[in-house]
Protein backbone atom coordinates (compact mmCIF):
# COMPACT_ATOMS: atom_id res chain seq x y z
CA MET A 1 106.75 110.93 81.13
CA THR A 2 105.29 107.40 80.98
CA ASP A 3 101.62 107.09 81.80
CA THR A 4 101.51 105.44 85.22
CA ALA A 5 98.42 103.50 84.12
CA THR A 6 100.77 101.23 82.15
CA ARG A 7 102.53 100.16 85.35
CA PRO A 8 101.08 97.33 87.43
CA TRP A 9 101.53 99.28 90.65
CA GLY A 10 99.43 102.36 91.38
CA ALA A 11 100.25 105.73 92.85
CA GLY A 12 101.46 105.62 96.44
CA ALA A 13 102.81 102.06 96.21
CA ALA A 14 105.26 100.44 98.63
CA THR A 15 107.01 97.07 98.69
CA GLY A 16 110.09 95.32 100.06
CA VAL A 17 113.46 94.67 98.46
CA GLY A 18 113.46 90.90 98.91
CA SER A 19 115.38 89.41 101.82
CA MET A 20 113.78 89.03 105.23
CA PRO A 21 115.00 87.77 108.62
CA GLY A 22 114.29 84.36 110.07
CA GLU A 23 113.74 80.90 108.65
CA ASP A 24 109.96 80.43 108.70
CA ALA A 25 108.62 80.81 105.14
CA ARG A 26 104.94 80.75 106.18
CA GLU A 27 105.30 83.35 108.90
CA THR A 28 107.32 85.60 106.61
CA ALA A 29 104.78 85.30 103.79
CA ARG A 30 102.08 86.19 106.31
CA THR A 31 104.04 89.29 107.36
CA VAL A 32 104.75 90.43 103.81
CA THR A 33 101.20 90.01 102.54
CA GLY A 34 99.88 91.67 105.69
CA GLU A 35 102.14 94.72 105.68
CA VAL A 36 102.61 95.43 101.94
CA GLY A 37 99.45 93.71 100.72
CA GLY A 38 99.04 96.16 97.84
CA PHE A 39 102.40 95.15 96.35
CA PRO A 40 103.64 91.93 98.00
CA PHE A 41 106.90 90.20 97.09
CA LEU A 42 108.31 86.69 97.26
CA PRO A 43 110.48 86.74 100.41
CA GLU A 44 114.04 85.39 100.53
CA LEU A 45 115.30 83.91 103.81
CA PRO A 46 119.12 83.63 103.65
CA ALA A 47 119.32 82.72 107.36
CA ARG A 48 118.27 79.19 106.38
CA GLY A 49 121.74 78.65 104.93
CA PRO A 50 123.32 77.69 101.58
CA GLY A 51 120.87 77.71 98.71
CA ALA A 52 118.67 80.30 100.41
CA ASP A 53 121.27 83.02 99.86
CA MET A 54 120.99 85.40 96.91
CA VAL A 55 123.56 83.68 94.68
CA GLY A 56 122.66 80.10 95.62
CA ARG A 57 118.94 80.70 95.14
CA SER A 58 119.49 82.01 91.60
CA ALA A 59 122.06 79.32 90.81
CA GLY A 60 119.28 76.83 91.53
CA MET A 61 117.14 78.49 88.82
CA LEU A 62 119.76 78.01 86.08
CA VAL A 63 119.00 75.67 83.18
CA ASP A 64 121.69 73.14 82.19
CA VAL A 65 124.21 74.94 84.40
CA TYR A 66 124.76 73.65 87.92
CA ALA A 67 126.65 74.88 90.95
CA HIS A 68 127.85 73.49 94.23
CA LEU A 69 129.17 75.18 97.33
CA GLN A 70 132.91 75.37 97.98
CA PRO A 71 134.68 77.05 100.92
CA SER A 72 135.31 80.02 98.61
CA GLY A 73 131.71 80.23 97.38
CA TRP A 74 129.48 78.86 94.64
CA ARG A 75 131.26 77.04 91.79
CA VAL A 76 130.08 75.61 88.47
CA ALA A 77 129.57 71.83 88.52
CA ASP A 78 129.00 69.15 85.87
CA ARG A 79 125.73 67.89 87.30
CA PRO A 80 123.15 68.85 89.93
CA GLY A 81 124.00 67.82 93.45
CA LEU A 82 122.80 68.31 97.00
CA ASP A 83 123.34 72.07 96.93
CA THR A 84 121.27 72.50 93.76
CA ARG A 85 118.47 70.32 95.17
CA ARG A 86 118.52 72.27 98.43
CA ALA A 87 118.27 75.62 96.64
CA ARG A 88 115.32 74.41 94.58
CA SER A 89 113.66 72.99 97.67
CA TRP A 90 113.93 76.31 99.53
CA LEU A 91 112.42 78.14 96.55
CA ASP A 92 109.54 75.65 96.34
CA GLU A 93 108.88 76.13 100.04
CA ASP A 94 108.79 79.91 99.58
CA LEU A 95 106.40 79.59 96.64
CA ASP A 96 104.13 77.26 98.64
CA ALA A 97 103.93 79.83 101.43
CA LEU A 98 103.32 82.73 99.06
CA GLU A 99 100.59 80.79 97.26
CA GLU A 100 98.86 80.05 100.56
CA PHE A 101 98.68 83.73 101.57
CA THR A 102 97.77 85.14 98.14
CA GLN A 103 94.63 83.11 97.47
CA GLY A 104 92.34 85.30 95.36
CA TYR A 105 94.92 88.09 95.14
CA THR A 106 94.95 90.35 92.10
CA GLY A 107 97.54 93.04 91.56
CA PRO A 108 101.30 93.52 91.35
CA LEU A 109 103.57 90.84 92.79
CA LYS A 110 107.36 91.11 92.78
CA VAL A 111 109.84 88.26 92.56
CA GLN A 112 113.63 88.59 92.75
CA ALA A 113 116.63 86.90 91.16
CA THR A 114 120.32 87.71 90.93
CA GLY A 115 121.15 89.57 87.73
CA PRO A 116 123.61 88.21 85.13
CA TRP A 117 126.56 90.44 86.04
CA THR A 118 126.38 89.94 89.79
CA LEU A 119 126.01 86.21 89.14
CA ALA A 120 129.05 86.27 86.84
CA ALA A 121 131.05 88.11 89.51
CA ALA A 122 130.04 85.67 92.26
CA LEU A 123 129.92 82.27 90.54
CA GLU A 124 133.29 80.55 90.15
CA LEU A 125 134.41 78.47 87.22
CA LYS A 126 136.15 75.15 87.86
CA GLY A 127 139.57 76.80 88.15
CA GLY A 128 138.39 79.01 90.99
CA GLU A 129 138.19 82.29 89.09
CA ALA A 130 134.88 84.10 88.59
CA ALA A 131 132.86 83.55 85.43
CA LEU A 132 133.39 87.28 84.90
CA ARG A 133 136.89 86.48 83.66
CA ASP A 134 135.57 84.55 80.63
CA PRO A 135 133.30 86.40 78.14
CA GLY A 136 131.99 83.09 76.79
CA ALA A 137 131.11 81.90 80.27
CA CYS A 138 129.29 85.18 80.90
CA ARG A 139 127.19 84.69 77.77
CA ASP A 140 126.36 81.09 78.65
CA LEU A 141 125.44 82.07 82.20
CA ALA A 142 123.17 84.87 81.01
CA ALA A 143 121.39 82.56 78.55
CA SER A 144 120.90 79.92 81.24
CA LEU A 145 119.58 82.51 83.67
CA ALA A 146 117.12 83.87 81.10
CA GLU A 147 115.76 80.37 80.47
CA GLY A 148 115.45 79.73 84.19
CA LEU A 149 113.67 83.03 84.75
CA ARG A 150 111.10 82.19 82.08
CA ALA A 151 110.26 78.97 83.91
CA HIS A 152 110.21 80.69 87.30
CA LEU A 153 107.87 83.46 86.15
CA ALA A 154 105.54 80.89 84.59
CA GLU A 155 105.43 78.98 87.87
CA VAL A 156 104.63 82.12 89.86
CA ARG A 157 101.77 82.95 87.48
CA ARG A 158 100.45 79.41 87.77
CA ARG A 159 100.39 79.61 91.56
CA VAL A 160 99.05 83.20 91.77
CA PRO A 161 96.96 83.55 88.60
CA GLY A 162 95.66 87.01 89.49
CA ALA A 163 99.14 88.48 89.89
CA GLU A 164 100.72 91.03 87.59
CA VAL A 165 104.26 89.77 88.04
CA VAL A 166 107.17 92.19 88.35
CA LEU A 167 110.69 90.77 88.05
CA GLN A 168 113.51 92.30 90.09
CA LEU A 169 117.09 91.58 89.04
CA ASP A 170 119.51 92.13 91.91
CA GLU A 171 122.70 93.70 90.56
CA PRO A 172 124.75 94.98 93.53
CA SER A 173 127.98 94.24 91.61
CA VAL A 174 127.13 95.95 88.32
CA THR A 175 128.99 99.16 89.19
CA ALA A 176 132.08 97.20 90.21
CA VAL A 177 131.87 95.21 86.96
CA LEU A 178 131.75 98.44 84.95
CA THR A 179 134.67 100.01 86.80
CA GLY A 180 136.97 97.00 87.12
CA ARG A 181 136.68 96.65 90.89
CA VAL A 182 135.69 92.98 91.21
CA ALA A 183 138.52 91.18 93.02
CA THR A 184 140.13 88.03 91.59
CA ALA A 185 140.31 84.78 93.57
CA SER A 186 143.68 85.78 95.06
CA GLY A 187 142.38 89.15 96.15
CA TYR A 188 145.54 90.85 94.88
CA ARG A 189 144.14 91.94 91.52
CA THR A 190 140.82 92.87 89.97
CA TYR A 191 139.15 91.70 86.80
CA ARG A 192 139.26 93.99 83.81
CA ALA A 193 136.30 96.36 83.51
CA VAL A 194 133.60 95.12 81.17
CA ASP A 195 132.66 97.46 78.35
CA ARG A 196 129.46 99.38 79.04
CA ALA A 197 127.92 98.27 75.74
CA VAL A 198 128.51 94.62 76.67
CA VAL A 199 126.98 95.08 80.13
CA GLU A 200 123.99 96.85 78.64
CA GLY A 201 123.55 94.30 75.85
CA THR A 202 123.64 91.32 78.20
CA LEU A 203 121.08 92.90 80.48
CA ARG A 204 118.89 93.69 77.49
CA ASP A 205 119.12 90.08 76.32
CA VAL A 206 118.16 88.69 79.74
CA ILE A 207 115.32 91.16 80.18
CA GLY A 208 113.99 90.45 76.70
CA ALA A 209 114.42 86.67 76.84
CA ALA A 210 112.54 86.53 80.13
CA GLY A 211 109.53 87.99 78.34
CA ALA A 212 109.92 91.31 80.06
CA THR A 213 109.65 93.69 77.12
CA GLY A 214 106.86 94.70 74.80
CA PRO A 215 103.13 95.19 75.45
CA GLY A 216 101.87 92.93 78.21
CA GLY A 217 105.38 91.89 79.19
CA THR A 218 106.82 91.54 82.66
CA PRO A 219 108.21 94.84 83.98
CA VAL A 220 111.76 94.51 85.24
CA VAL A 221 113.19 96.38 88.22
CA VAL A 222 116.97 96.36 88.59
CA HIS A 223 118.06 96.69 92.21
CA SER A 224 121.41 97.90 93.49
CA CYS A 225 122.13 99.50 96.85
CA ALA A 226 125.73 100.26 95.77
CA PRO A 227 126.93 103.81 95.06
CA ASP A 228 126.89 105.19 91.51
CA VAL A 229 124.11 103.02 90.12
CA PRO A 230 124.13 103.41 86.29
CA PHE A 231 120.50 104.51 85.96
CA ALA A 232 120.63 105.54 82.31
CA LEU A 233 122.37 102.33 81.21
CA LEU A 234 119.84 100.18 83.07
CA HIS A 235 116.94 102.05 81.51
CA ARG A 236 118.39 101.69 78.01
CA ALA A 237 118.75 97.95 78.68
CA GLY A 238 115.00 97.69 79.20
CA ALA A 239 114.53 98.19 82.94
CA ALA A 240 111.16 99.72 83.77
CA ALA A 241 112.46 100.82 87.16
CA VAL A 242 115.61 101.03 89.25
CA SER A 243 115.62 100.19 92.95
CA TYR A 244 118.28 102.06 94.94
CA ASP A 245 119.37 103.45 98.30
CA ALA A 246 117.94 106.98 98.30
CA ALA A 247 120.62 108.26 100.70
CA LEU A 248 123.33 107.39 98.14
CA LEU A 249 121.49 109.10 95.29
CA ALA A 250 121.10 112.21 97.44
CA GLU A 251 124.90 112.51 97.46
CA ARG A 252 125.06 112.78 93.65
CA ARG A 253 125.12 116.22 92.07
CA GLY A 254 125.61 117.81 88.68
CA ARG A 255 125.51 115.74 85.52
CA ALA A 256 125.17 112.41 87.35
CA GLU A 257 121.99 113.59 89.02
CA GLU A 258 120.66 115.10 85.79
CA GLU A 259 121.09 111.75 84.03
CA VAL A 260 118.75 110.17 86.56
CA GLY A 261 116.22 112.92 85.97
CA GLU A 262 116.46 112.45 82.21
CA ALA A 263 115.84 108.72 82.59
CA VAL A 264 112.80 109.44 84.76
CA GLU A 265 111.46 111.86 82.17
CA ALA A 266 111.94 109.12 79.56
CA GLY A 267 109.77 106.72 81.57
CA LEU A 268 111.99 105.13 84.23
CA ALA A 269 110.26 104.51 87.56
CA LEU A 270 112.16 104.65 90.84
CA PHE A 271 111.99 102.26 93.78
CA ALA A 272 113.34 104.62 96.42
CA GLY A 273 114.96 102.93 99.41
CA VAL A 274 114.20 105.45 102.13
CA VAL A 275 113.69 103.30 105.24
CA PRO A 276 116.85 102.01 107.00
CA ALA A 277 117.40 98.27 106.63
CA THR A 278 118.29 97.70 110.29
CA ALA A 279 117.32 99.26 113.61
CA ASP A 280 120.95 100.30 114.25
CA THR A 281 121.02 102.24 110.99
CA ALA A 282 117.67 103.83 111.78
CA ALA A 283 118.96 105.01 115.15
CA GLY A 284 121.87 106.75 113.44
CA THR A 285 119.90 108.63 110.79
CA PRO A 286 119.73 112.40 110.99
CA SER A 287 116.47 114.14 111.75
CA GLY A 288 114.10 113.61 108.85
CA ALA A 289 115.07 111.07 106.21
CA GLY A 290 114.66 107.48 107.25
CA ARG A 291 113.16 108.08 110.68
CA MET A 292 110.68 105.36 111.54
CA SER A 293 108.54 107.80 113.52
CA ASP A 294 108.01 110.22 110.63
CA PRO A 295 106.68 108.79 107.35
CA ALA A 296 106.55 112.23 105.69
CA GLY A 297 110.14 112.94 106.74
CA SER A 298 111.29 109.64 105.28
CA VAL A 299 110.35 110.76 101.77
CA GLU A 300 111.18 114.45 102.08
CA GLY A 301 114.50 113.88 100.33
CA VAL A 302 112.67 112.30 97.40
CA ARG A 303 110.32 115.28 97.16
CA THR A 304 113.25 117.71 97.33
CA TRP A 305 115.21 115.91 94.61
CA TRP A 306 112.10 115.68 92.40
CA ARG A 307 111.48 119.45 92.73
CA ARG A 308 115.12 120.32 92.11
CA LEU A 309 115.05 118.53 88.77
CA GLY A 310 111.83 120.27 87.75
CA LEU A 311 109.83 117.04 87.45
CA PRO A 312 106.03 117.44 87.65
CA PRO A 313 104.79 116.92 91.22
CA GLN A 314 101.63 115.18 90.01
CA ALA A 315 103.83 112.38 88.61
CA LEU A 316 105.74 111.78 91.86
CA ALA A 317 103.46 109.27 93.59
CA GLY A 318 103.09 107.16 90.46
CA GLY A 319 106.76 107.37 89.50
CA VAL A 320 108.19 106.36 92.88
CA VAL A 321 107.63 103.17 94.85
CA VAL A 322 108.80 103.35 98.48
CA THR A 323 111.00 100.53 99.85
CA PRO A 324 113.58 99.89 102.54
CA ALA A 325 117.11 101.00 101.64
CA CYS A 326 118.15 97.38 101.08
CA GLY A 327 117.12 93.86 102.07
CA LEU A 328 115.92 93.32 105.64
CA ALA A 329 117.78 90.05 106.35
CA GLY A 330 120.01 91.78 108.91
CA ALA A 331 117.09 93.13 110.93
CA ASP A 332 115.11 91.40 113.64
CA PRO A 333 111.62 90.21 112.60
CA GLU A 334 109.77 92.92 114.51
CA TYR A 335 111.85 95.70 112.99
CA ALA A 336 111.39 94.19 109.52
CA ARG A 337 107.62 94.19 110.01
CA ARG A 338 107.64 97.80 111.18
CA ALA A 339 109.91 98.86 108.31
CA LEU A 340 107.49 97.47 105.72
CA ALA A 341 104.54 99.12 107.45
CA HIS A 342 106.48 102.39 107.55
CA CYS A 343 107.11 102.17 103.80
CA VAL A 344 103.35 101.97 103.23
CA ARG A 345 102.74 105.04 105.38
CA ALA A 346 105.56 106.98 103.69
CA ALA A 347 104.19 106.11 100.24
CA GLY A 348 100.78 107.33 101.36
CA SER A 349 102.40 110.60 102.36
CA LEU A 350 103.81 111.02 98.84
CA ALA A 351 100.39 110.36 97.32
CA ARG A 352 98.65 112.85 99.63
CA ASP A 353 101.27 115.59 99.44
CA PRO A 354 103.62 115.30 96.45
CA GLU A 355 104.87 118.84 96.95
């Protein structure tokens, strides 16, 4: 297994997925740096409206590709307009707030962007169909995203010079892309499944072009809280870690589960989403996993899975980062704060008692 010393986060680490409730960038940055100060992240605040959402925020990062908002969603445009300027303004505001509350900080810092396949599934071409329909458009979009990510990562390092930046690519649609389950504009059909080698190659290109491979590069986490996350494919594409909903992984058995274990043995880290993303979900969890009152119980499923695959217990705390199950945008601010604090306590439990 990979030596955890090569990872910017240490044993017993915890962080958030990305989105947070509310509209106040400064207050949210204060909460994030206060609760997960050992591994803070750049918050996203979709409640502010268009351009602060996952797709719009990343569309604003694109280079020489522009998008504007239509009733059906984000669509490619010929030139930057109000929606592009708004998205960039929201991102600048978030960076200002993060910079303010990370003065003198040294250590891992995570930033998030929509991955190339989820962006291709969500961003419409001029005719109204998704970019996913056109292989050439997918390639152009991925190249533009990679260029934008390079600039974004450089800006984050300029503002927080002591940070060891970790890039998270959000790919909730990657499984649907692989299995041909992304709906067309009419909703009556789905786009053809994209070949696994093409999906893997595009991700590898984006990860590599963003400077995220090789010694001293930026580690990339690929996040998806969808079922059947393709762990092995993502690792082959260059992902240092996969962020996932631990409850969904717990449902996998047999060869699918073994593939995850093999990827972990080959060096893949896991960002285990064990804390419910909303208070309603937390109230409905069974005794043990996910309960906000029991940090050790929240990660018991991770311990059990790790033991079942025969992975060394001493590698558990360094190989797993504890997170909420998904973004916290749907929670109220107080629950979001408590969820992040609970992740820190649960990660501490893994470090103290990996078995």
